[in-house]
């Protein structure tokens, strides 16, 4: 081959080598651009859950407002102006919160006192067991409790009461236990009710009463006075709580002796 032909081939190869890089560069650029654009395409899908959550939150808020309005109407039978009723209700909640706080402080002091008095209560109970119908007599002669006991069945049942105890627990809860002799009303030897005091207020729990032969004396017809033993339910009546805790339990002789004085 002539030197001239060789030089031409060399020149052509150099031209080819120089022209190769420009052909590869355009192929890389679209890939880089497409990779950068992929997150942009996914952004709309990330926003969809946020819209759904916002919609659900709005629906829940509307539902709560509607429920609140329904509660206002249900608890406002006298038709007081809505704004006034809500203001009164808010104030009443604050009053109840302060009362519950005061009750907790009082229960704390009661616990300290009852811990000291516990041995004396035990000695007293040993003596009272020898006095027939002691605790039922105290209940019958209490001015408020006696007004709640009008049904002859309640009176007959209470006459079987031969033990009463108040237990103060370390967490501030108070448990009332009533012990009965054998009777035709219930199978239980004991029934109890416990008051629970916590940040949400006052709640109660009770032992189930096993009525004999299905003879539940708490079931009343419309218009009849409720049974005293309806108290053994979810009622959180603090007036009865206070009567049993601070009057009947602490000063039973004040009520038991009242019967002797009246008879005289």
Protein backbone atom coordinates (compact mmCIF):
# COMPACT_ATOMS: atom_id res chain seq x y z
CA UNK A 1 0.00 0.00 0.00
CA UNK A 2 1.28 3.49 -0.82
CA UNK A 3 2.18 5.97 1.85
CA UNK A 4 -0.55 8.23 0.52
CA UNK A 5 -3.27 5.62 1.10
CA UNK A 6 -2.01 4.96 4.62
CA UNK A 7 -2.11 8.61 5.49
CA UNK A 8 -5.67 8.84 4.21
CA UNK A 9 -6.77 5.89 6.38
CA UNK A 10 -5.08 7.43 9.41
CA UNK A 11 -6.82 10.70 8.80
CA UNK A 12 -10.17 8.96 8.40
CA UNK A 13 -9.72 7.01 11.64
CA UNK A 14 -8.90 10.18 13.49
CA UNK A 15 -12.06 11.73 12.16
CA UNK A 16 -14.08 8.74 13.32
CA UNK A 17 -12.53 8.78 16.78
CA UNK A 18 -13.29 12.45 17.20
CA UNK A 19 -16.86 12.05 16.04
CA UNK A 20 -17.71 9.19 18.50
CA UNK A 21 -18.03 11.22 21.75
CA UNK A 22 -20.71 13.57 20.38
CA UNK A 23 -22.86 10.53 19.45
CA UNK A 24 -22.74 9.10 23.04
CA UNK A 25 -23.41 12.37 24.93
CA UNK A 26 -26.96 12.94 23.66
CA UNK A 27 -27.90 9.39 24.81
CA UNK A 28 -26.84 10.07 28.45
CA UNK A 29 -28.59 13.41 28.80
CA UNK A 30 -32.17 12.19 28.29
CA UNK A 31 -31.63 9.45 30.92
CA UNK A 32 -30.41 11.97 33.46
CA UNK A 33 -33.31 14.27 32.72
CA UNK A 34 -35.85 11.45 33.00
CA UNK A 35 -34.36 10.36 36.33
CA UNK A 36 -34.65 13.87 37.68
CA UNK A 37 -38.24 14.20 36.51
CA UNK A 38 -39.51 10.95 38.14
CA UNK A 39 -40.02 12.40 41.68
CA UNK A 40 -42.00 15.25 40.13
CA UNK A 41 -44.46 12.74 38.66
CA UNK A 42 -44.94 11.07 42.10
CA UNK A 43 -45.72 14.28 43.98
CA UNK A 44 -49.47 14.33 43.20
CA UNK A 45 -49.87 10.81 44.65
CA UNK A 46 -48.32 11.96 47.96
CA UNK A 47 -50.84 14.79 48.31
CA UNK A 48 -53.92 12.56 47.98
CA UNK A 49 -53.81 11.03 51.55
CA UNK A 50 -53.52 14.54 53.00
CA UNK A 51 -56.72 15.55 51.24
CA UNK A 52 -58.47 12.42 52.50
CA UNK A 53 -57.34 13.04 56.10
CA UNK A 54 -58.49 16.65 55.89
CA UNK A 55 -61.88 15.48 54.66
CA UNK A 56 -62.20 12.90 57.47
CA UNK A 57 -61.17 15.45 60.11
CA UNK A 58 -63.75 17.91 58.81
CA UNK A 59 -66.47 15.25 58.87
CA UNK A 60 -65.58 14.28 62.46
CA UNK A 61 -65.65 17.92 63.55
CA UNK A 62 -69.06 18.43 61.98
CA UNK A 63 -70.32 15.25 63.68
CA UNK A 64 -69.06 16.41 67.09
CA UNK A 65 -70.75 19.79 66.67
CA UNK A 66 -74.01 18.08 65.71
CA UNK A 67 -73.76 15.72 68.71
CA UNK A 68 -73.08 18.67 71.01
CA UNK A 69 -76.14 20.48 69.68
CA UNK A 70 -78.24 17.34 70.18
CA UNK A 71 -76.99 17.02 73.77
CA UNK A 72 -77.82 20.66 74.44
CA UNK A 73 -81.36 20.13 73.19
CA UNK A 74 -81.76 16.88 75.16
CA UNK A 75 -80.45 18.37 78.42
CA UNK A 76 -82.30 21.64 78.05
CA UNK A 77 -85.98 20.69 78.36
CA UNK A 78 -86.94 24.13 79.64
CA UNK A 79 -85.79 25.72 76.39
CA UNK A 80 -83.27 28.16 77.88
CA UNK A 81 -81.50 30.28 75.29
CA UNK A 82 -78.71 28.18 73.78
CA UNK A 83 -75.84 30.54 74.65
CA UNK A 84 -77.05 30.98 78.23
CA UNK A 85 -77.49 27.24 78.64
CA UNK A 86 -73.96 26.55 77.41
CA UNK A 87 -72.52 29.20 79.76
CA UNK A 88 -74.39 27.73 82.73
CA UNK A 89 -73.31 24.20 81.79
CA UNK A 90 -69.66 25.25 81.53
CA UNK A 91 -69.78 26.90 84.94
CA UNK A 92 -71.48 23.85 86.42
CA UNK A 93 -68.71 21.60 85.11
CA UNK A 94 -66.13 23.85 86.81
CA UNK A 95 -68.10 23.70 90.07
CA UNK A 96 -68.25 19.90 89.88
CA UNK A 97 -64.50 19.70 89.17
CA UNK A 98 -63.72 21.79 92.26
CA UNK A 99 -66.14 19.72 94.33
CA UNK A 100 -64.50 16.50 93.16
CA UNK A 101 -61.07 17.90 93.99
CA UNK A 102 -62.28 18.85 97.47
CA UNK A 103 -63.80 15.38 97.86
CA UNK A 104 -60.44 13.78 97.02
CA UNK A 105 -58.66 15.89 99.64
CA UNK A 106 -61.31 14.95 102.17
CA UNK A 107 -60.95 11.26 101.32
CA UNK A 108 -57.19 11.50 101.85
CA UNK A 109 -57.78 12.83 105.36
CA UNK A 110 -60.42 10.15 105.93
CA UNK A 111 -57.92 7.47 104.99
CA UNK A 112 -55.40 8.74 107.52
CA UNK A 113 -58.08 8.90 110.22
CA UNK A 114 -59.59 5.50 109.42
CA UNK A 115 -56.16 3.89 109.55
CA UNK A 116 -55.86 5.08 113.14
CA UNK A 117 -59.45 4.11 114.00
CA UNK A 118 -59.36 0.67 112.36
CA UNK A 119 -58.60 -1.25 115.60
CA UNK A 120 -61.48 0.52 117.36
CA UNK A 121 -63.87 -0.24 114.50
CA UNK A 122 -62.96 -3.92 114.78
CA UNK A 123 -63.68 -3.93 118.54
CA UNK A 124 -66.96 -2.12 117.98
CA UNK A 125 -68.06 -4.62 115.32
CA UNK A 126 -67.39 -7.53 117.67
CA UNK A 127 -69.78 -5.95 120.19
CA UNK A 128 -72.45 -4.93 117.69
CA UNK A 129 -72.83 -8.50 116.44
CA UNK A 130 -74.51 -9.26 119.74
CA UNK A 131 -77.20 -6.62 119.14
CA UNK A 132 -79.97 -7.88 116.81
CA UNK A 133 -80.78 -5.69 113.79
CA UNK A 134 -78.44 -2.97 114.94
CA UNK A 135 -77.45 -1.65 111.53
CA UNK A 136 -80.90 -1.96 109.99
CA UNK A 137 -82.32 0.02 112.91
CA UNK A 138 -79.77 2.79 112.28
CA UNK A 139 -80.83 2.93 108.63
CA UNK A 140 -84.55 2.88 109.45
CA UNK A 141 -84.14 5.80 111.85
CA UNK A 142 -82.03 8.00 109.61
CA UNK A 143 -84.27 10.89 108.44
CA UNK A 144 -83.16 10.72 104.79
CA UNK A 145 -82.61 6.97 104.36
CA UNK A 146 -85.92 6.13 106.02
CA UNK A 147 -87.71 8.25 103.41
CA UNK A 148 -86.20 6.03 100.70
CA UNK A 149 -87.39 2.81 102.35
CA UNK A 150 -91.14 2.63 101.87
CA UNK A 151 -91.65 -0.75 100.22
CA UNK A 152 -92.56 -3.52 102.74
CA UNK A 153 -90.22 -5.86 100.84
CA UNK A 154 -87.31 -3.47 101.36
CA UNK A 155 -88.09 -3.33 105.08
CA UNK A 156 -88.35 -7.12 105.38
CA UNK A 157 -85.09 -7.59 103.49
CA UNK A 158 -83.17 -5.01 105.55
CA UNK A 159 -84.17 -6.72 108.76
CA UNK A 160 -81.79 -9.51 107.74
CA UNK A 161 -78.86 -7.09 107.71
CA UNK A 162 -76.46 -8.15 110.47
CA UNK A 163 -73.19 -6.56 109.34
CA UNK A 164 -72.05 -3.30 107.77
CA UNK A 165 -68.51 -2.22 106.91
CA UNK A 166 -66.82 0.72 105.24
CA UNK A 167 -63.38 0.14 103.74
CA UNK A 168 -61.12 3.02 102.80
CA UNK A 169 -58.59 2.01 100.16
CA UNK A 170 -55.17 3.55 99.60
CA UNK A 171 -56.16 4.90 96.19
CA UNK A 172 -59.02 6.84 97.80
CA UNK A 173 -61.81 4.48 96.76
CA UNK A 174 -64.50 3.61 99.30
CA UNK A 175 -66.22 0.23 99.51
CA UNK A 176 -69.46 -0.41 101.42
CA UNK A 177 -70.18 -4.03 102.35
CA UNK A 178 -73.55 -5.28 103.67
CA UNK A 179 -73.76 -8.74 105.25
CA UNK A 180 -77.09 -10.59 105.56
CA UNK A 181 -78.37 -13.60 107.42
CA UNK A 182 -80.11 -16.37 105.48
CA UNK A 183 -83.28 -14.96 103.89
CA UNK A 184 -85.85 -15.55 101.17
CA UNK A 185 -84.68 -12.64 99.00
CA UNK A 186 -81.07 -13.19 97.88
CA UNK A 187 -78.52 -15.97 97.67
CA UNK A 188 -75.60 -13.66 98.44
CA UNK A 189 -74.30 -13.50 101.97
CA UNK A 190 -72.77 -10.13 101.15
CA UNK A 191 -73.40 -7.38 98.63
CA UNK A 192 -71.11 -4.41 98.13
CA UNK A 193 -70.80 -1.11 96.33
CA UNK A 194 -67.55 0.72 95.63
CA UNK A 195 -67.08 4.40 94.81
CA UNK A 196 -64.12 5.16 92.54
CA UNK A 197 -62.63 8.66 92.55
CA UNK A 198 -60.33 9.59 89.67
CA UNK A 199 -59.50 12.45 87.32
CA UNK A 200 -62.71 11.86 85.38
CA UNK A 201 -64.87 12.31 88.49
CA UNK A 202 -66.86 9.67 90.37
CA UNK A 203 -67.92 6.24 89.19
CA UNK A 204 -69.24 3.15 90.97
CA UNK A 205 -69.16 -0.62 90.72
CA UNK A 206 -71.40 -3.13 92.49
CA UNK A 207 -71.58 -6.81 93.20
CA UNK A 208 -74.36 -8.55 91.26
CA UNK A 209 -77.34 -9.43 93.45
CA UNK A 210 -78.52 -13.02 93.02
CA UNK A 211 -82.24 -12.84 93.65
CA UNK A 212 -83.96 -16.05 94.74
CA UNK A 213 -86.62 -17.41 92.38
CA UNK A 214 -86.14 -14.36 90.14
CA UNK A 215 -87.81 -12.20 92.81
CA UNK A 216 -86.03 -8.96 91.96
CA UNK A 217 -87.56 -6.34 94.24
CA UNK A 218 -85.82 -3.52 92.37
CA UNK A 219 -88.05 -4.06 89.34
CA UNK A 220 -90.99 -1.73 89.66
CA UNK A 221 -94.03 -0.87 87.62
CA UNK A 222 -94.37 2.60 86.18
CA UNK A 223 -95.38 5.08 88.87
CA UNK A 224 -94.14 2.95 91.80
CA UNK A 225 -91.49 4.25 94.17
CA UNK A 226 -88.02 2.85 93.47
CA UNK A 227 -86.59 0.20 95.77
CA UNK A 228 -83.87 1.20 98.23
CA UNK A 229 -81.76 -1.59 96.73
CA UNK A 230 -81.75 0.18 93.38
CA UNK A 231 -78.82 2.02 94.94
CA UNK A 232 -76.80 -1.12 94.23
CA UNK A 233 -76.40 -0.14 90.61
CA UNK A 234 -74.33 2.39 88.68
CA UNK A 235 -75.79 5.32 90.61
CA UNK A 236 -73.07 7.65 91.88
CA UNK A 237 -75.27 9.45 94.45
CA UNK A 238 -72.79 11.29 96.70
CA UNK A 239 -75.48 12.22 99.24
CA UNK A 240 -76.09 8.57 100.13
CA UNK A 241 -72.34 8.00 100.00
CA UNK A 242 -71.80 10.73 102.57
CA UNK A 243 -74.61 9.47 104.81
CA UNK A 244 -73.21 5.94 105.00
CA UNK A 245 -69.59 7.06 105.24
CA UNK A 246 -69.74 9.95 107.67
CA UNK A 247 -72.96 9.38 109.62
CA UNK A 248 -74.10 5.76 109.79
CA UNK A 249 -70.57 4.32 109.93
CA UNK A 250 -68.93 6.85 112.23
CA UNK A 251 -71.82 7.68 114.59
CA UNK A 252 -74.27 4.75 114.52
CA UNK A 253 -75.36 5.17 118.14
CA UNK A 254 -76.78 8.61 117.32
CA UNK A 255 -79.39 6.89 115.16
CA UNK A 256 -79.82 3.63 117.02
CA UNK A 257 -80.50 5.41 120.32
CA UNK A 258 -83.04 7.66 118.63
CA UNK A 259 -85.42 4.72 118.48
CA UNK A 260 -85.26 4.27 122.28
CA UNK A 261 -85.88 7.99 122.83
CA UNK A 262 -88.90 7.99 120.47
CA UNK A 263 -90.37 4.93 122.17
CA UNK A 264 -90.06 6.65 125.53
